[in-house]
Amino acid sequence: MATALQKVQEVERRVQSVEQPFTDQFDQLNRGVVTSFQKGNITLLEFVDLIEAYNDSISQLNRLKADRVSAYEELNYLVGEDLFR
């Protein structure tokens, strides 16, 4: 059970260190990319590349959040109670 708790703490630390800065910065970057494309400052290929990179980053964040849910579920299972909902 101690290992499961350590896993929860580690994944929670990783999510907290990434989630808010990532969300703020990437939303702002995404708006900037769209604006630059609309103004003709970047090509369609550059736009698509940047949007794909944005989508990949969002996917990585979602995987990290899924890891967090799994860690909490494992701890709940080991304890035999719903500690976290």
PDB file of N, CA and C in Angstrom:
ATOM      1  N   MET A   1       0.827  -1.191   0.000  1.00  0.00           N
ATOM      2  CA  MET A   1       0.000   0.000   0.000  1.00  0.00           C
ATOM      3  C   MET A   1       0.875   1.259   0.000  1.00  0.00           C
ATOM      4  N   ALA A   2       2.009   1.218   0.650  1.00  0.00           N
ATOM      5  CA  ALA A   2       2.905   2.375   0.682  1.00  0.00           C
ATOM      6  C   ALA A   2       3.367   2.734  -0.730  1.00  0.00           C
ATOM      7  N   THR A   3       3.630   1.724  -1.543  1.00  0.00           N
ATOM      8  CA  THR A   3       4.057   1.961  -2.918  1.00  0.00           C
ATOM      9  C   THR A   3       2.946   2.641  -3.713  1.00  0.00           C
ATOM     10  N   ALA A   4       1.715   2.209  -3.525  1.00  0.00           N
ATOM     11  CA  ALA A   4       0.580   2.820  -4.223  1.00  0.00           C
ATOM     12  C   ALA A   4       0.419   4.274  -3.794  1.00  0.00           C
ATOM     13  N   LEU A   5       0.608   4.548  -2.516  1.00  0.00           N
ATOM     14  CA  LEU A   5       0.511   5.921  -2.025  1.00  0.00           C
ATOM     15  C   LEU A   5       1.623   6.785  -2.615  1.00  0.00           C
ATOM     16  N   GLN A   6       2.829   6.241  -2.686  1.00  0.00           N
ATOM     17  CA  GLN A   6       3.937   6.973  -3.295  1.00  0.00           C
ATOM     18  C   GLN A   6       3.655   7.243  -4.769  1.00  0.00           C
ATOM     19  N   LYS A   7       3.047   6.280  -5.439  1.00  0.00           N
ATOM     20  CA  LYS A   7       2.698   6.453  -6.852  1.00  0.00           C
ATOM     21  C   LYS A   7       1.682   7.578  -7.011  1.00  0.00           C
ATOM     22  N   VAL A   8       0.691   7.618  -6.133  1.00  0.00           N
ATOM     23  CA  VAL A   8      -0.312   8.693  -6.162  1.00  0.00           C
ATOM     24  C   VAL A   8       0.367  10.044  -5.947  1.00  0.00           C
ATOM     25  N   GLN A   9       1.235  10.113  -4.963  1.00  0.00           N
ATOM     26  CA  GLN A   9       1.921  11.371  -4.675  1.00  0.00           C
ATOM     27  C   GLN A   9       2.781  11.826  -5.843  1.00  0.00           C
ATOM     28  N   GLU A  10       3.483  10.897  -6.468  1.00  0.00           N
ATOM     29  CA  GLU A  10       4.357  11.243  -7.589  1.00  0.00           C
ATOM     30  C   GLU A  10       3.554  11.726  -8.793  1.00  0.00           C
ATOM     31  N   VAL A  11       2.516  10.987  -9.154  1.00  0.00           N
ATOM     32  CA  VAL A  11       1.736  11.374 -10.329  1.00  0.00           C
ATOM     33  C   VAL A  11       0.988  12.678 -10.056  1.00  0.00           C
ATOM     34  N   GLU A  12       0.551  12.882  -8.830  1.00  0.00           N
ATOM     35  CA  GLU A  12      -0.122  14.140  -8.481  1.00  0.00           C
ATOM     36  C   GLU A  12       0.857  15.307  -8.592  1.00  0.00           C
ATOM     37  N   ARG A  13       2.075  15.100  -8.132  1.00  0.00           N
ATOM     38  CA  ARG A  13       3.109  16.143  -8.248  1.00  0.00           C
ATOM     39  C   ARG A  13       3.361  16.486  -9.710  1.00  0.00           C
ATOM     40  N   ARG A  14       3.448  15.455 -10.558  1.00  0.00           N
ATOM     41  CA  ARG A  14       3.683  15.689 -11.991  1.00  0.00           C
ATOM     42  C   ARG A  14       2.531  16.438 -12.639  1.00  0.00           C
ATOM     43  N   VAL A  15       1.315  16.044 -12.312  1.00  0.00           N
ATOM     44  CA  VAL A  15       0.142  16.716 -12.894  1.00  0.00           C
ATOM     45  C   VAL A  15       0.108  18.180 -12.444  1.00  0.00           C
ATOM     46  N   GLN A  16       0.304  18.421 -11.163  1.00  0.00           N
ATOM     47  CA  GLN A  16       0.247  19.784 -10.637  1.00  0.00           C
ATOM     48  C   GLN A  16       1.341  20.674 -11.242  1.00  0.00           C
ATOM     49  N   SER A  17       2.507  20.107 -11.494  1.00  0.00           N
ATOM     50  CA  SER A  17       3.606  20.911 -12.035  1.00  0.00           C
ATOM     51  C   SER A  17       3.402  21.255 -13.506  1.00  0.00           C
ATOM     52  N   VAL A  18       2.560  20.500 -14.180  1.00  0.00           N
ATOM     53  CA  VAL A  18       2.378  20.681 -15.619  1.00  0.00           C
ATOM     54  C   VAL A  18       1.038  21.308 -15.975  1.00  0.00           C
ATOM     55  N   GLU A  19       0.002  20.917 -15.283  1.00  0.00           N
ATOM     56  CA  GLU A  19      -1.368  21.206 -15.717  1.00  0.00           C
ATOM     57  C   GLU A  19      -1.669  22.694 -15.920  1.00  0.00           C
ATOM     58  N   GLN A  20      -1.554  23.513 -14.884  1.00  0.00           N
ATOM     59  CA  GLN A  20      -1.949  24.914 -15.010  1.00  0.00           C
ATOM     60  C   GLN A  20      -1.037  25.704 -15.947  1.00  0.00           C
ATOM     61  N   PRO A  21       0.288  25.633 -15.779  1.00  0.00           N
ATOM     62  CA  PRO A  21       1.144  26.371 -16.726  1.00  0.00           C
ATOM     63  C   PRO A  21       0.926  25.912 -18.167  1.00  0.00           C
ATOM     64  N   PHE A  22       0.783  24.617 -18.349  1.00  0.00           N
ATOM     65  CA  PHE A  22       0.570  24.057 -19.680  1.00  0.00           C
ATOM     66  C   PHE A  22      -0.705  24.599 -20.283  1.00  0.00           C
ATOM     67  N   THR A  23      -1.783  24.532 -19.539  1.00  0.00           N
ATOM     68  CA  THR A  23      -3.087  24.971 -20.040  1.00  0.00           C
ATOM     69  C   THR A  23      -3.055  26.444 -20.413  1.00  0.00           C
ATOM     70  N   ASP A  24      -2.539  27.278 -19.543  1.00  0.00           N
ATOM     71  CA  ASP A  24      -2.483  28.719 -19.812  1.00  0.00           C
ATOM     72  C   ASP A  24      -1.618  29.037 -21.024  1.00  0.00           C
ATOM     73  N   GLN A  25      -0.419  28.485 -21.061  1.00  0.00           N
ATOM     74  CA  GLN A  25       0.522  28.802 -22.134  1.00  0.00           C
ATOM     75  C   GLN A  25       0.071  28.247 -23.477  1.00  0.00           C
ATOM     76  N   PHE A  26      -0.431  27.026 -23.493  1.00  0.00           N
ATOM     77  CA  PHE A  26      -0.797  26.429 -24.762  1.00  0.00           C
ATOM     78  C   PHE A  26      -2.088  26.989 -25.325  1.00  0.00           C
ATOM     79  N   ASP A  27      -3.014  27.394 -24.488  1.00  0.00           N
ATOM     80  CA  ASP A  27      -4.214  28.052 -25.004  1.00  0.00           C
ATOM     81  C   ASP A  27      -3.840  29.387 -25.657  1.00  0.00           C
ATOM     82  N   GLN A  28      -2.954  30.110 -25.012  1.00  0.00           N
ATOM     83  CA  GLN A  28      -2.482  31.381 -25.557  1.00  0.00           C
ATOM     84  C   GLN A  28      -1.708  31.153 -26.852  1.00  0.00           C
ATOM     85  N   LEU A  29      -0.857  30.151 -26.872  1.00  0.00           N
ATOM     86  CA  LEU A  29      -0.091  29.828 -28.074  1.00  0.00           C
ATOM     87  C   LEU A  29      -1.021  29.411 -29.212  1.00  0.00           C
ATOM     88  N   ASN A  30      -2.021  28.606 -28.896  1.00  0.00           N
ATOM     89  CA  ASN A  30      -2.963  28.151 -29.912  1.00  0.00           C
ATOM     90  C   ASN A  30      -3.697  29.336 -30.545  1.00  0.00           C
ATOM     91  N   ARG A  31      -4.147  30.264 -29.720  1.00  0.00           N
ATOM     92  CA  ARG A  31      -4.818  31.463 -30.260  1.00  0.00           C
ATOM     93  C   ARG A  31      -3.867  32.262 -31.144  1.00  0.00           C
ATOM     94  N   GLY A  32      -2.611  32.357 -30.732  1.00  0.00           N
ATOM     95  CA  GLY A  32      -1.619  33.078 -31.522  1.00  0.00           C
ATOM     96  C   GLY A  32      -1.366  32.423 -32.869  1.00  0.00           C
ATOM     97  N   VAL A  33      -1.342  31.109 -32.889  1.00  0.00           N
ATOM     98  CA  VAL A  33      -1.131  30.373 -34.149  1.00  0.00           C
ATOM     99  C   VAL A  33      -2.297  30.626 -35.102  1.00  0.00           C
ATOM    100  N   VAL A  34      -3.507  30.552 -34.582  1.00  0.00           N
ATOM    101  CA  VAL A  34      -4.692  30.789 -35.421  1.00  0.00           C
ATOM    102  C   VAL A  34      -4.673  32.212 -35.960  1.00  0.00           C
ATOM    103  N   THR A  35      -4.367  33.169 -35.112  1.00  0.00           N
ATOM    104  CA  THR A  35      -4.308  34.573 -35.542  1.00  0.00           C
ATOM    105  C   THR A  35      -3.230  34.766 -36.599  1.00  0.00           C
ATOM    106  N   SER A  36      -2.062  34.179 -36.390  1.00  0.00           N
ATOM    107  CA  SER A  36      -0.968  34.297 -37.365  1.00  0.00           C
ATOM    108  C   SER A  36      -1.357  33.703 -38.709  1.00  0.00           C
ATOM    109  N   PHE A  37      -2.051  32.582 -38.674  1.00  0.00           N
ATOM    110  CA  PHE A  37      -2.492  31.964 -39.926  1.00  0.00           C
ATOM    111  C   PHE A  37      -3.529  32.843 -40.622  1.00  0.00           C
ATOM    112  N   GLN A  38      -4.471  33.375 -39.849  1.00  0.00           N
ATOM    113  CA  GLN A  38      -5.501  34.238 -40.428  1.00  0.00           C
ATOM    114  C   GLN A  38      -4.896  35.486 -41.060  1.00  0.00           C
ATOM    115  N   LYS A  39      -3.824  35.998 -40.491  1.00  0.00           N
ATOM    116  CA  LYS A  39      -3.151  37.186 -41.023  1.00  0.00           C
ATOM    117  C   LYS A  39      -2.198  36.844 -42.160  1.00  0.00           C
ATOM    118  N   GLY A  40      -1.981  35.557 -42.397  1.00  0.00           N
ATOM    119  CA  GLY A  40      -1.072  35.143 -43.464  1.00  0.00           C
ATOM    120  C   GLY A  40       0.392  35.157 -43.070  1.00  0.00           C
ATOM    121  N   ASN A  41       0.664  35.198 -41.770  1.00  0.00           N
ATOM    122  CA  ASN A  41       2.047  35.227 -41.289  1.00  0.00           C
ATOM    123  C   ASN A  41       2.708  33.856 -41.299  1.00  0.00           C
ATOM    124  N   ILE A  42       1.909  32.794 -41.328  1.00  0.00           N
ATOM    125  CA  ILE A  42       2.455  31.447 -41.433  1.00  0.00           C
ATOM    126  C   ILE A  42       1.714  30.703 -42.541  1.00  0.00           C
ATOM    127  N   THR A  43       2.379  29.723 -43.114  1.00  0.00           N
ATOM    128  CA  THR A  43       1.785  28.949 -44.204  1.00  0.00           C
ATOM    129  C   THR A  43       0.834  27.899 -43.643  1.00  0.00           C
ATOM    130  N   LEU A  44       0.083  27.294 -44.538  1.00  0.00           N
ATOM    131  CA  LEU A  44      -0.831  26.231 -44.137  1.00  0.00           C
ATOM    132  C   LEU A  44      -0.057  25.060 -43.535  1.00  0.00           C
ATOM    133  N   LEU A  45       1.077  24.719 -44.130  1.00  0.00           N
ATOM    134  CA  LEU A  45       1.894  23.617 -43.617  1.00  0.00           C
ATOM    135  C   LEU A  45       2.397  23.917 -42.201  1.00  0.00           C
ATOM    136  N   GLU A  46       2.865  25.143 -41.980  1.00  0.00           N
ATOM    137  CA  GLU A  46       3.322  25.526 -40.637  1.00  0.00           C
ATOM    138  C   GLU A  46       2.160  25.491 -39.643  1.00  0.00           C
ATOM    139  N   PHE A  47       1.006  25.957 -40.089  1.00  0.00           N
ATOM    140  CA  PHE A  47      -0.178  25.949 -39.240  1.00  0.00           C
ATOM    141  C   PHE A  47      -0.541  24.524 -38.832  1.00  0.00           C
ATOM    142  N   VAL A  48      -0.575  23.618 -39.806  1.00  0.00           N
ATOM    143  CA  VAL A  48      -0.923  22.222 -39.530  1.00  0.00           C
ATOM    144  C   VAL A  48       0.106  21.597 -38.593  1.00  0.00           C
ATOM    145  N   ASP A  49       1.388  21.854 -38.822  1.00  0.00           N
ATOM    146  CA  ASP A  49       2.441  21.323 -37.942  1.00  0.00           C
ATOM    147  C   ASP A  49       2.262  21.811 -36.504  1.00  0.00           C
ATOM    148  N   LEU A  50       1.970  23.084 -36.339  1.00  0.00           N
ATOM    149  CA  LEU A  50       1.798  23.641 -34.995  1.00  0.00           C
ATOM    150  C   LEU A  50       0.551  23.083 -34.314  1.00  0.00           C
ATOM    151  N   ILE A  51      -0.518  22.928 -35.059  1.00  0.00           N
ATOM    152  CA  ILE A  51      -1.744  22.362 -34.491  1.00  0.00           C
ATOM    153  C   ILE A  51      -1.522  20.897 -34.104  1.00  0.00           C
ATOM    154  N   GLU A  52      -0.788  20.149 -34.926  1.00  0.00           N
ATOM    155  CA  GLU A  52      -0.477  18.754 -34.581  1.00  0.00           C
ATOM    156  C   GLU A  52       0.373  18.682 -33.312  1.00  0.00           C
ATOM    157  N   ALA A  53       1.332  19.579 -33.178  1.00  0.00           N
ATOM    158  CA  ALA A  53       2.164  19.614 -31.974  1.00  0.00           C
ATOM    159  C   ALA A  53       1.304  19.949 -30.755  1.00  0.00           C
ATOM    160  N   TYR A  54       0.379  20.876 -30.931  1.00  0.00           N
ATOM    161  CA  TYR A  54      -0.548  21.228 -29.850  1.00  0.00           C
ATOM    162  C   TYR A  54      -1.385  20.009 -29.458  1.00  0.00           C
ATOM    163  N   ASN A  55      -1.929  19.314 -30.449  1.00  0.00           N
ATOM    164  CA  ASN A  55      -2.744  18.119 -30.173  1.00  0.00           C
ATOM    165  C   ASN A  55      -1.935  17.034 -29.478  1.00  0.00           C
ATOM    166  N   ASP A  56      -0.687  16.845 -29.888  1.00  0.00           N
ATOM    167  CA  ASP A  56       0.188  15.867 -29.232  1.00  0.00           C
ATOM    168  C   ASP A  56       0.412  16.233 -27.766  1.00  0.00           C
ATOM    169  N   SER A  57       0.612  17.510 -27.515  1.00  0.00           N
ATOM    170  CA  SER A  57       0.820  17.964 -26.138  1.00  0.00           C
ATOM    171  C   SER A  57      -0.427  17.744 -25.290  1.00  0.00           C
ATOM    172  N   ILE A  58      -1.587  18.018 -25.848  1.00  0.00           N
ATOM    173  CA  ILE A  58      -2.840  17.786 -25.139  1.00  0.00           C
ATOM    174  C   ILE A  58      -2.996  16.284 -24.849  1.00  0.00           C
ATOM    175  N   SER A  59      -2.638  15.446 -25.820  1.00  0.00           N
ATOM    176  CA  SER A  59      -2.721  13.995 -25.623  1.00  0.00           C
ATOM    177  C   SER A  59      -1.810  13.545 -24.485  1.00  0.00           C
ATOM    178  N   GLN A  60      -0.608  14.098 -24.422  1.00  0.00           N
ATOM    179  CA  GLN A  60       0.316  13.752 -23.344  1.00  0.00           C
ATOM    180  C   GLN A  60      -0.240  14.170 -21.987  1.00  0.00           C
ATOM    181  N   LEU A  61      -0.838  15.352 -21.916  1.00  0.00           N
ATOM    182  CA  LEU A  61      -1.446  15.802 -20.669  1.00  0.00           C
ATOM    183  C   LEU A  61      -2.606  14.889 -20.279  1.00  0.00           C
ATOM    184  N   ASN A  62      -3.401  14.488 -21.252  1.00  0.00           N
ATOM    185  CA  ASN A  62      -4.519  13.582 -20.964  1.00  0.00           C
ATOM    186  C   ASN A  62      -4.034  12.215 -20.478  1.00  0.00           C
ATOM    187  N   ARG A  63      -2.917  11.724 -21.050  1.00  0.00           N
ATOM    188  CA  ARG A  63      -2.349  10.462 -20.573  1.00  0.00           C
ATOM    189  C   ARG A  63      -1.868  10.596 -19.126  1.00  0.00           C
ATOM    190  N   LEU A  64      -1.278  11.725 -18.818  1.00  0.00           N
ATOM    191  CA  LEU A  64      -0.815  11.970 -17.451  1.00  0.00           C
ATOM    192  C   LEU A  64      -2.005  12.004 -16.489  1.00  0.00           C
ATOM    193  N   LYS A  65      -3.090  12.635 -16.904  1.00  0.00           N
ATOM    194  CA  LYS A  65      -4.291  12.673 -16.066  1.00  0.00           C
ATOM    195  C   LYS A  65      -4.889  11.271 -15.916  1.00  0.00           C
ATOM    196  N   ALA A  66      -4.837  10.475 -16.966  1.00  0.00           N
ATOM    197  CA  ALA A  66      -5.324   9.092 -16.885  1.00  0.00           C
ATOM    198  C   ALA A  66      -4.453   8.282 -15.931  1.00  0.00           C
ATOM    199  N   ASP A  67      -3.147   8.521 -15.947  1.00  0.00           N
ATOM    200  CA  ASP A  67      -2.239   7.860 -15.005  1.00  0.00           C
ATOM    201  C   ASP A  67      -2.613   8.226 -13.572  1.00  0.00           C
ATOM    202  N   ARG A  68      -2.998   9.486 -13.371  1.00  0.00           N
ATOM    203  CA  ARG A  68      -3.404   9.931 -12.032  1.00  0.00           C
ATOM    204  C   ARG A  68      -4.648   9.177 -11.573  1.00  0.00           C
ATOM    205  N   VAL A  69      -5.630   9.066 -12.453  1.00  0.00           N
ATOM    206  CA  VAL A  69      -6.857   8.344 -12.106  1.00  0.00           C
ATOM    207  C   VAL A  69      -6.539   6.891 -11.777  1.00  0.00           C
ATOM    208  N   SER A  70      -5.691   6.262 -12.577  1.00  0.00           N
ATOM    209  CA  SER A  70      -5.316   4.863 -12.328  1.00  0.00           C
ATOM    210  C   SER A  70      -4.616   4.697 -10.989  1.00  0.00           C
ATOM    211  N   ALA A  71      -3.734   5.632 -10.659  1.00  0.00           N
ATOM    212  CA  ALA A  71      -3.018   5.553  -9.380  1.00  0.00           C
ATOM    213  C   ALA A  71      -3.995   5.672  -8.209  1.00  0.00           C
ATOM    214  N   TYR A  72      -4.939   6.584  -8.312  1.00  0.00           N
ATOM    215  CA  TYR A  72      -5.937   6.731  -7.250  1.00  0.00           C
ATOM    216  C   TYR A  72      -6.832   5.500  -7.160  1.00  0.00           C
ATOM    217  N   GLU A  73      -7.219   4.944  -8.300  1.00  0.00           N
ATOM    218  CA  GLU A  73      -8.052   3.737  -8.292  1.00  0.00           C
ATOM    219  C   GLU A  73      -7.315   2.562  -7.659  1.00  0.00           C
ATOM    220  N   GLU A  74      -6.026   2.437  -7.955  1.00  0.00           N
ATOM    221  CA  GLU A  74      -5.229   1.366  -7.370  1.00  0.00           C
ATOM    222  C   GLU A  74      -5.164   1.510  -5.853  1.00  0.00           C
ATOM    223  N   LEU A  75      -4.951   2.725  -5.384  1.00  0.00           N
ATOM    224  CA  LEU A  75      -4.904   2.948  -3.942  1.00  0.00           C
ATOM    225  C   LEU A  75      -6.267   2.653  -3.310  1.00  0.00           C
ATOM    226  N   ASN A  76      -7.342   3.089  -3.931  1.00  0.00           N
ATOM    227  CA  ASN A  76      -8.684   2.783  -3.429  1.00  0.00           C
ATOM    228  C   ASN A  76      -8.884   1.276  -3.325  1.00  0.00           C
ATOM    229  N   TYR A  77      -8.453   0.553  -4.344  1.00  0.00           N
ATOM    230  CA  TYR A  77      -8.599  -0.905  -4.363  1.00  0.00           C
ATOM    231  C   TYR A  77      -7.819  -1.551  -3.220  1.00  0.00           C
ATOM    232  N   LEU A  78      -6.582  -1.109  -3.034  1.00  0.00           N
ATOM    233  CA  LEU A  78      -5.741  -1.702  -2.000  1.00  0.00           C
ATOM    234  C   LEU A  78      -6.273  -1.424  -0.594  1.00  0.00           C
ATOM    235  N   VAL A  79      -6.847  -0.254  -0.405  1.00  0.00           N
ATOM    236  CA  VAL A  79      -7.379   0.116   0.904  1.00  0.00           C
ATOM    237  C   VAL A  79      -8.752  -0.506   1.115  1.00  0.00           C
ATOM    238  N   GLY A  80      -9.462  -0.727   0.028  1.00  0.00           N
ATOM    239  CA  GLY A  80     -10.792  -1.312   0.122  1.00  0.00           C
ATOM    240  C   GLY A  80     -11.887  -0.293   0.351  1.00  0.00           C
ATOM    241  N   GLU A  81     -11.582   0.967   0.130  1.00  0.00           N
ATOM    242  CA  GLU A  81     -12.557   2.049   0.295  1.00  0.00           C
ATOM    243  C   GLU A  81     -12.338   3.083  -0.785  1.00  0.00           C
ATOM    244  N   ASP A  82     -13.377   3.884  -1.027  1.00  0.00           N
ATOM    245  CA  ASP A  82     -13.235   5.007  -1.956  1.00  0.00           C
ATOM    246  C   ASP A  82     -12.691   6.206  -1.199  1.00  0.00           C
ATOM    247  N   LEU A  83     -11.375   6.330  -1.192  1.00  0.00           N
ATOM    248  CA  LEU A  83     -10.748   7.477  -0.535  1.00  0.00           C
ATOM    249  C   LEU A  83     -10.885   8.731  -1.382  1.00  0.00           C
ATOM    250  N   PHE A  84     -10.891   8.530  -2.684  1.00  0.00           N
ATOM    251  CA  PHE A  84     -10.919   9.639  -3.632  1.00  0.00           C
ATOM    252  C   PHE A  84     -12.031   9.388  -4.634  1.00  0.00           C
ATOM    253  N   ARG A  85     -12.799  10.381  -4.895  1.00  0.00           N
ATOM    254  CA  ARG A  85     -13.878  10.241  -5.873  1.00  0.00           C
ATOM    255  C   ARG A  85     -13.698  11.236  -6.972  1.00  0.00           C
TER     256      ARG A  85
END
